[in-house]
Amino acid sequence: MFQVKELDDKNGVKDDVVGRIVRAKNQHAIVECSDANINTPLSEAGSKPLVIVGLCNLHNVCRS
């Protein structure tokens, strides 16, 4: 998610109420994406429990 934050910073997304919504949407888009082979970040995490927990937590935060 650090890369998403870097890109948002580079694109001038502010850290106000609207900016935080935009940042959350951008992070959620990464969690919900898939590549040409329909691999998702969760499937690519494999057996790395901390990555899986982080993706699930981010998904839940973005949905609320």
PDB file of N, CA and C in Angstrom:
ATOM      1  N   MET A   1       0.804  -1.184   0.000  1.00  0.00           N
ATOM      2  CA  MET A   1       0.000   0.000   0.000  1.00  0.00           C
ATOM      3  C   MET A   1       0.855   1.260   0.000  1.00  0.00           C
ATOM      4  N   PHE A   2       2.135   1.095   0.320  1.00  0.00           N
ATOM      5  CA  PHE A   2       3.029   2.255   0.332  1.00  0.00           C
ATOM      6  C   PHE A   2       3.097   2.885  -1.049  1.00  0.00           C
ATOM      7  N   GLN A   3       3.075   2.057  -2.107  1.00  0.00           N
ATOM      8  CA  GLN A   3       3.148   2.584  -3.462  1.00  0.00           C
ATOM      9  C   GLN A   3       1.916   3.410  -3.802  1.00  0.00           C
ATOM     10  N   VAL A   4       0.747   2.991  -3.296  1.00  0.00           N
ATOM     11  CA  VAL A   4      -0.479   3.755  -3.523  1.00  0.00           C
ATOM     12  C   VAL A   4      -0.363   5.106  -2.828  1.00  0.00           C
ATOM     13  N   LYS A   5       0.149   5.111  -1.602  1.00  0.00           N
ATOM     14  CA  LYS A   5       0.326   6.365  -0.859  1.00  0.00           C
ATOM     15  C   LYS A   5       1.296   7.284  -1.593  1.00  0.00           C
ATOM     16  N   GLU A   6       2.389   6.722  -2.080  1.00  0.00           N
ATOM     17  CA  GLU A   6       3.364   7.525  -2.826  1.00  0.00           C
ATOM     18  C   GLU A   6       2.727   8.157  -4.060  1.00  0.00           C
ATOM     19  N   LEU A   7       1.936   7.374  -4.781  1.00  0.00           N
ATOM     20  CA  LEU A   7       1.289   7.879  -5.986  1.00  0.00           C
ATOM     21  C   LEU A   7       0.268   8.965  -5.647  1.00  0.00           C
ATOM     22  N   ASP A   8      -0.493   8.753  -4.578  1.00  0.00           N
ATOM     23  CA  ASP A   8      -1.442   9.785  -4.149  1.00  0.00           C
ATOM     24  C   ASP A   8      -0.711  11.058  -3.755  1.00  0.00           C
ATOM     25  N   ASP A   9       0.397  10.928  -3.028  1.00  0.00           N
ATOM     26  CA  ASP A   9       1.195  12.097  -2.655  1.00  0.00           C
ATOM     27  C   ASP A   9       1.701  12.819  -3.902  1.00  0.00           C
ATOM     28  N   LYS A  10       2.213  12.053  -4.845  1.00  0.00           N
ATOM     29  CA  LYS A  10       2.751  12.623  -6.083  1.00  0.00           C
ATOM     30  C   LYS A  10       1.668  13.348  -6.874  1.00  0.00           C
ATOM     31  N   ASN A  11       0.455  12.798  -6.845  1.00  0.00           N
ATOM     32  CA  ASN A  11      -0.655  13.394  -7.588  1.00  0.00           C
ATOM     33  C   ASN A  11      -1.354  14.508  -6.812  1.00  0.00           C
ATOM     34  N   GLY A  12      -0.838  14.827  -5.637  1.00  0.00           N
ATOM     35  CA  GLY A  12      -1.362  15.955  -4.884  1.00  0.00           C
ATOM     36  C   GLY A  12      -2.677  15.692  -4.162  1.00  0.00           C
ATOM     37  N   VAL A  13      -2.967  14.425  -3.854  1.00  0.00           N
ATOM     38  CA  VAL A  13      -4.172  14.127  -3.087  1.00  0.00           C
ATOM     39  C   VAL A  13      -3.957  14.639  -1.671  1.00  0.00           C
ATOM     40  N   LYS A  14      -4.862  15.503  -1.237  1.00  0.00           N
ATOM     41  CA  LYS A  14      -4.698  16.152   0.072  1.00  0.00           C
ATOM     42  C   LYS A  14      -5.000  15.184   1.210  1.00  0.00           C
ATOM     43  N   ASP A  15      -4.733  15.638   2.438  1.00  0.00           N
ATOM     44  CA  ASP A  15      -4.990  14.825   3.622  1.00  0.00           C
ATOM     45  C   ASP A  15      -6.168  15.402   4.414  1.00  0.00           C
ATOM     46  N   ASP A  16      -7.135  15.954   3.664  1.00  0.00           N
ATOM     47  CA  ASP A  16      -8.343  16.436   4.309  1.00  0.00           C
ATOM     48  C   ASP A  16      -9.417  15.351   4.216  1.00  0.00           C
ATOM     49  N   VAL A  17     -10.648  15.674   4.539  1.00  0.00           N
ATOM     50  CA  VAL A  17     -11.720  14.673   4.535  1.00  0.00           C
ATOM     51  C   VAL A  17     -11.893  14.059   3.147  1.00  0.00           C
ATOM     52  N   VAL A  18     -11.980  14.881   2.130  1.00  0.00           N
ATOM     53  CA  VAL A  18     -12.163  14.379   0.766  1.00  0.00           C
ATOM     54  C   VAL A  18     -10.937  13.589   0.316  1.00  0.00           C
ATOM     55  N   GLY A  19      -9.753  14.091   0.629  1.00  0.00           N
ATOM     56  CA  GLY A  19      -8.518  13.408   0.247  1.00  0.00           C
ATOM     57  C   GLY A  19      -8.411  12.025   0.872  1.00  0.00           C
ATOM     58  N   ARG A  20      -8.826  11.912   2.137  1.00  0.00           N
ATOM     59  CA  ARG A  20      -8.785  10.600   2.805  1.00  0.00           C
ATOM     60  C   ARG A  20      -9.759   9.627   2.145  1.00  0.00           C
ATOM     61  N   ILE A  21     -10.887  10.133   1.672  1.00  0.00           N
ATOM     62  CA  ILE A  21     -11.839   9.274   0.950  1.00  0.00           C
ATOM     63  C   ILE A  21     -11.218   8.806  -0.359  1.00  0.00           C
ATOM     64  N   VAL A  22     -10.590   9.719  -1.072  1.00  0.00           N
ATOM     65  CA  VAL A  22      -9.939   9.366  -2.341  1.00  0.00           C
ATOM     66  C   VAL A  22      -8.828   8.354  -2.097  1.00  0.00           C
ATOM     67  N   ARG A  23      -8.027   8.565  -1.061  1.00  0.00           N
ATOM     68  CA  ARG A  23      -6.938   7.636  -0.743  1.00  0.00           C
ATOM     69  C   ARG A  23      -7.487   6.254  -0.401  1.00  0.00           C
ATOM     70  N   ALA A  24      -8.570   6.202   0.371  1.00  0.00           N
ATOM     71  CA  ALA A  24      -9.176   4.915   0.722  1.00  0.00           C
ATOM     72  C   ALA A  24      -9.707   4.209  -0.526  1.00  0.00           C
ATOM     73  N   LYS A  25     -10.316   4.960  -1.427  1.00  0.00           N
ATOM     74  CA  LYS A  25     -10.828   4.366  -2.666  1.00  0.00           C
ATOM     75  C   LYS A  25      -9.682   3.815  -3.515  1.00  0.00           C
ATOM     76  N   ASN A  26      -8.569   4.542  -3.568  1.00  0.00           N
ATOM     77  CA  ASN A  26      -7.416   4.080  -4.349  1.00  0.00           C
ATOM     78  C   ASN A  26      -6.829   2.806  -3.751  1.00  0.00           C
ATOM     79  N   GLN A  27      -6.739   2.736  -2.418  1.00  0.00           N
ATOM     80  CA  GLN A  27      -6.235   1.523  -1.778  1.00  0.00           C
ATOM     81  C   GLN A  27      -7.199   0.365  -1.983  1.00  0.00           C
ATOM     82  N   HIS A  28      -8.483   0.642  -1.893  1.00  0.00           N
ATOM     83  CA  HIS A  28      -9.482  -0.404  -2.101  1.00  0.00           C
ATOM     84  C   HIS A  28      -9.403  -0.943  -3.529  1.00  0.00           C
ATOM     85  N   ALA A  29      -9.166  -0.065  -4.493  1.00  0.00           N
ATOM     86  CA  ALA A  29      -9.054  -0.498  -5.888  1.00  0.00           C
ATOM     87  C   ALA A  29      -7.912  -1.493  -6.069  1.00  0.00           C
ATOM     88  N   ILE A  30      -6.823  -1.304  -5.344  1.00  0.00           N
ATOM     89  CA  ILE A  30      -5.699  -2.230  -5.430  1.00  0.00           C
ATOM     90  C   ILE A  30      -6.066  -3.584  -4.826  1.00  0.00           C
ATOM     91  N   VAL A  31      -6.782  -3.570  -3.715  1.00  0.00           N
ATOM     92  CA  VAL A  31      -7.177  -4.826  -3.071  1.00  0.00           C
ATOM     93  C   VAL A  31      -8.155  -5.593  -3.958  1.00  0.00           C
ATOM     94  N   GLU A  32      -9.025  -4.878  -4.652  1.00  0.00           N
ATOM     95  CA  GLU A  32     -10.067  -5.507  -5.459  1.00  0.00           C
ATOM     96  C   GLU A  32      -9.640  -5.791  -6.894  1.00  0.00           C
ATOM     97  N   CYS A  33      -8.415  -5.506  -7.262  1.00  0.00           N
ATOM     98  CA  CYS A  33      -7.985  -5.683  -8.647  1.00  0.00           C
ATOM     99  C   CYS A  33      -7.593  -7.127  -8.940  1.00  0.00           C
ATOM    100  N   SER A  34      -7.417  -7.412 -10.221  1.00  0.00           N
ATOM    101  CA  SER A  34      -6.879  -8.706 -10.656  1.00  0.00           C
ATOM    102  C   SER A  34      -6.092  -8.483 -11.937  1.00  0.00           C
ATOM    103  N   ASP A  35      -5.171  -9.396 -12.206  1.00  0.00           N
ATOM    104  CA  ASP A  35      -4.378  -9.275 -13.426  1.00  0.00           C
ATOM    105  C   ASP A  35      -5.052 -10.046 -14.563  1.00  0.00           C
ATOM    106  N   ALA A  36      -4.375 -10.168 -15.689  1.00  0.00           N
ATOM    107  CA  ALA A  36      -4.940 -10.834 -16.860  1.00  0.00           C
ATOM    108  C   ALA A  36      -5.268 -12.306 -16.600  1.00  0.00           C
ATOM    109  N   ASN A  37      -4.605 -12.907 -15.625  1.00  0.00           N
ATOM    110  CA  ASN A  37      -4.856 -14.316 -15.291  1.00  0.00           C
ATOM    111  C   ASN A  37      -5.821 -14.463 -14.113  1.00  0.00           C
ATOM    112  N   ILE A  38      -6.492 -13.392 -13.768  1.00  0.00           N
ATOM    113  CA  ILE A  38      -7.462 -13.334 -12.672  1.00  0.00           C
ATOM    114  C   ILE A  38      -6.818 -13.647 -11.317  1.00  0.00           C
ATOM    115  N   ASN A  39      -5.555 -13.316 -11.159  1.00  0.00           N
ATOM    116  CA  ASN A  39      -4.889 -13.415  -9.861  1.00  0.00           C
ATOM    117  C   ASN A  39      -5.173 -12.135  -9.091  1.00  0.00           C
ATOM    118  N   THR A  40      -5.574 -12.280  -7.850  1.00  0.00           N
ATOM    119  CA  THR A  40      -5.851 -11.131  -7.000  1.00  0.00           C
ATOM    120  C   THR A  40      -4.717 -10.968  -5.989  1.00  0.00           C
ATOM    121  N   PRO A  41      -4.630  -9.814  -5.343  1.00  0.00           N
ATOM    122  CA  PRO A  41      -3.605  -9.658  -4.301  1.00  0.00           C
ATOM    123  C   PRO A  41      -3.724 -10.731  -3.221  1.00  0.00           C
ATOM    124  N   LEU A  42      -4.954 -11.106  -2.875  1.00  0.00           N
ATOM    125  CA  LEU A  42      -5.143 -12.126  -1.857  1.00  0.00           C
ATOM    126  C   LEU A  42      -4.615 -13.483  -2.321  1.00  0.00           C
ATOM    127  N   SER A  43      -4.871 -13.837  -3.571  1.00  0.00           N
ATOM    128  CA  SER A  43      -4.367 -15.128  -4.065  1.00  0.00           C
ATOM    129  C   SER A  43      -2.854 -15.109  -4.200  1.00  0.00           C
ATOM    130  N   GLU A  44      -2.305 -13.963  -4.516  1.00  0.00           N
ATOM    131  CA  GLU A  44      -0.854 -13.848  -4.647  1.00  0.00           C
ATOM    132  C   GLU A  44      -0.157 -13.835  -3.294  1.00  0.00           C
ATOM    133  N   ALA A  45      -0.883 -13.487  -2.235  1.00  0.00           N
ATOM    134  CA  ALA A  45      -0.294 -13.466  -0.895  1.00  0.00           C
ATOM    135  C   ALA A  45       0.097 -14.864  -0.447  1.00  0.00           C
ATOM    136  N   GLY A  46      -0.573 -15.870  -0.996  1.00  0.00           N
ATOM    137  CA  GLY A  46      -0.233 -17.256  -0.693  1.00  0.00           C
ATOM    138  C   GLY A  46      -0.322 -17.565   0.783  1.00  0.00           C
ATOM    139  N   SER A  47       0.743 -18.045   1.338  1.00  0.00           N
ATOM    140  CA  SER A  47       0.730 -18.468   2.741  1.00  0.00           C
ATOM    141  C   SER A  47       1.397 -17.444   3.652  1.00  0.00           C
ATOM    142  N   LYS A  48       1.268 -16.179   3.324  1.00  0.00           N
ATOM    143  CA  LYS A  48       1.855 -15.113   4.145  1.00  0.00           C
ATOM    144  C   LYS A  48       0.741 -14.502   4.997  1.00  0.00           C
ATOM    145  N   PRO A  49       0.544 -15.031   6.209  1.00  0.00           N
ATOM    146  CA  PRO A  49      -0.600 -14.612   7.025  1.00  0.00           C
ATOM    147  C   PRO A  49      -0.677 -13.118   7.295  1.00  0.00           C
ATOM    148  N   LEU A  50       0.447 -12.458   7.500  1.00  0.00           N
ATOM    149  CA  LEU A  50       0.399 -11.025   7.787  1.00  0.00           C
ATOM    150  C   LEU A  50      -0.108 -10.227   6.594  1.00  0.00           C
ATOM    151  N   VAL A  51       0.262 -10.652   5.401  1.00  0.00           N
ATOM    152  CA  VAL A  51      -0.218  -9.976   4.191  1.00  0.00           C
ATOM    153  C   VAL A  51      -1.718 -10.201   4.040  1.00  0.00           C
ATOM    154  N   ILE A  52      -2.158 -11.436   4.280  1.00  0.00           N
ATOM    155  CA  ILE A  52      -3.580 -11.757   4.162  1.00  0.00           C
ATOM    156  C   ILE A  52      -4.393 -10.947   5.176  1.00  0.00           C
ATOM    157  N   VAL A  53      -3.939 -10.895   6.407  1.00  0.00           N
ATOM    158  CA  VAL A  53      -4.644 -10.121   7.441  1.00  0.00           C
ATOM    159  C   VAL A  53      -4.678  -8.646   7.058  1.00  0.00           C
ATOM    160  N   GLY A  54      -3.576  -8.127   6.570  1.00  0.00           N
ATOM    161  CA  GLY A  54      -3.533  -6.721   6.163  1.00  0.00           C
ATOM    162  C   GLY A  54      -4.499  -6.416   5.031  1.00  0.00           C
ATOM    163  N   LEU A  55      -4.549  -7.290   4.021  1.00  0.00           N
ATOM    164  CA  LEU A  55      -5.480  -7.086   2.913  1.00  0.00           C
ATOM    165  C   LEU A  55      -6.929  -7.156   3.382  1.00  0.00           C
ATOM    166  N   CYS A  56      -7.224  -8.107   4.244  1.00  0.00           N
ATOM    167  CA  CYS A  56      -8.588  -8.236   4.772  1.00  0.00           C
ATOM    168  C   CYS A  56      -8.968  -7.018   5.606  1.00  0.00           C
ATOM    169  N   ASN A  57      -8.065  -6.560   6.445  1.00  0.00           N
ATOM    170  CA  ASN A  57      -8.330  -5.379   7.260  1.00  0.00           C
ATOM    171  C   ASN A  57      -8.559  -4.155   6.384  1.00  0.00           C
ATOM    172  N   LEU A  58      -7.741  -3.987   5.374  1.00  0.00           N
ATOM    173  CA  LEU A  58      -7.896  -2.849   4.475  1.00  0.00           C
ATOM    174  C   LEU A  58      -9.232  -2.943   3.749  1.00  0.00           C
ATOM    175  N   HIS A  59      -9.571  -4.136   3.312  1.00  0.00           N
ATOM    176  CA  HIS A  59     -10.847  -4.332   2.610  1.00  0.00           C
ATOM    177  C   HIS A  59     -12.009  -3.944   3.519  1.00  0.00           C
ATOM    178  N   ASN A  60     -11.971  -4.365   4.778  1.00  0.00           N
ATOM    179  CA  ASN A  60     -13.049  -4.068   5.721  1.00  0.00           C
ATOM    180  C   ASN A  60     -13.106  -2.577   6.042  1.00  0.00           C
ATOM    181  N   VAL A  61     -11.970  -1.934   6.182  1.00  0.00           N
ATOM    182  CA  VAL A  61     -11.935  -0.506   6.467  1.00  0.00           C
ATOM    183  C   VAL A  61     -12.502   0.285   5.297  1.00  0.00           C
ATOM    184  N   CYS A  62     -12.147  -0.105   4.103  1.00  0.00           N
ATOM    185  CA  CYS A  62     -12.604   0.623   2.917  1.00  0.00           C
ATOM    186  C   CYS A  62     -14.098   0.442   2.675  1.00  0.00           C
ATOM    187  N   ARG A  63     -14.639  -0.674   3.127  1.00  0.00           N
ATOM    188  CA  ARG A  63     -16.068  -0.923   2.910  1.00  0.00           C
ATOM    189  C   ARG A  63     -16.940  -0.204   3.920  1.00  0.00           C
ATOM    190  N   SER A  64     -16.372   0.203   5.046  1.00  0.00           N
ATOM    191  CA  SER A  64     -17.219   0.836   6.071  1.00  0.00           C
ATOM    192  C   SER A  64     -17.373   2.319   5.843  1.00  0.00           C
TER     193      SER A  64
END
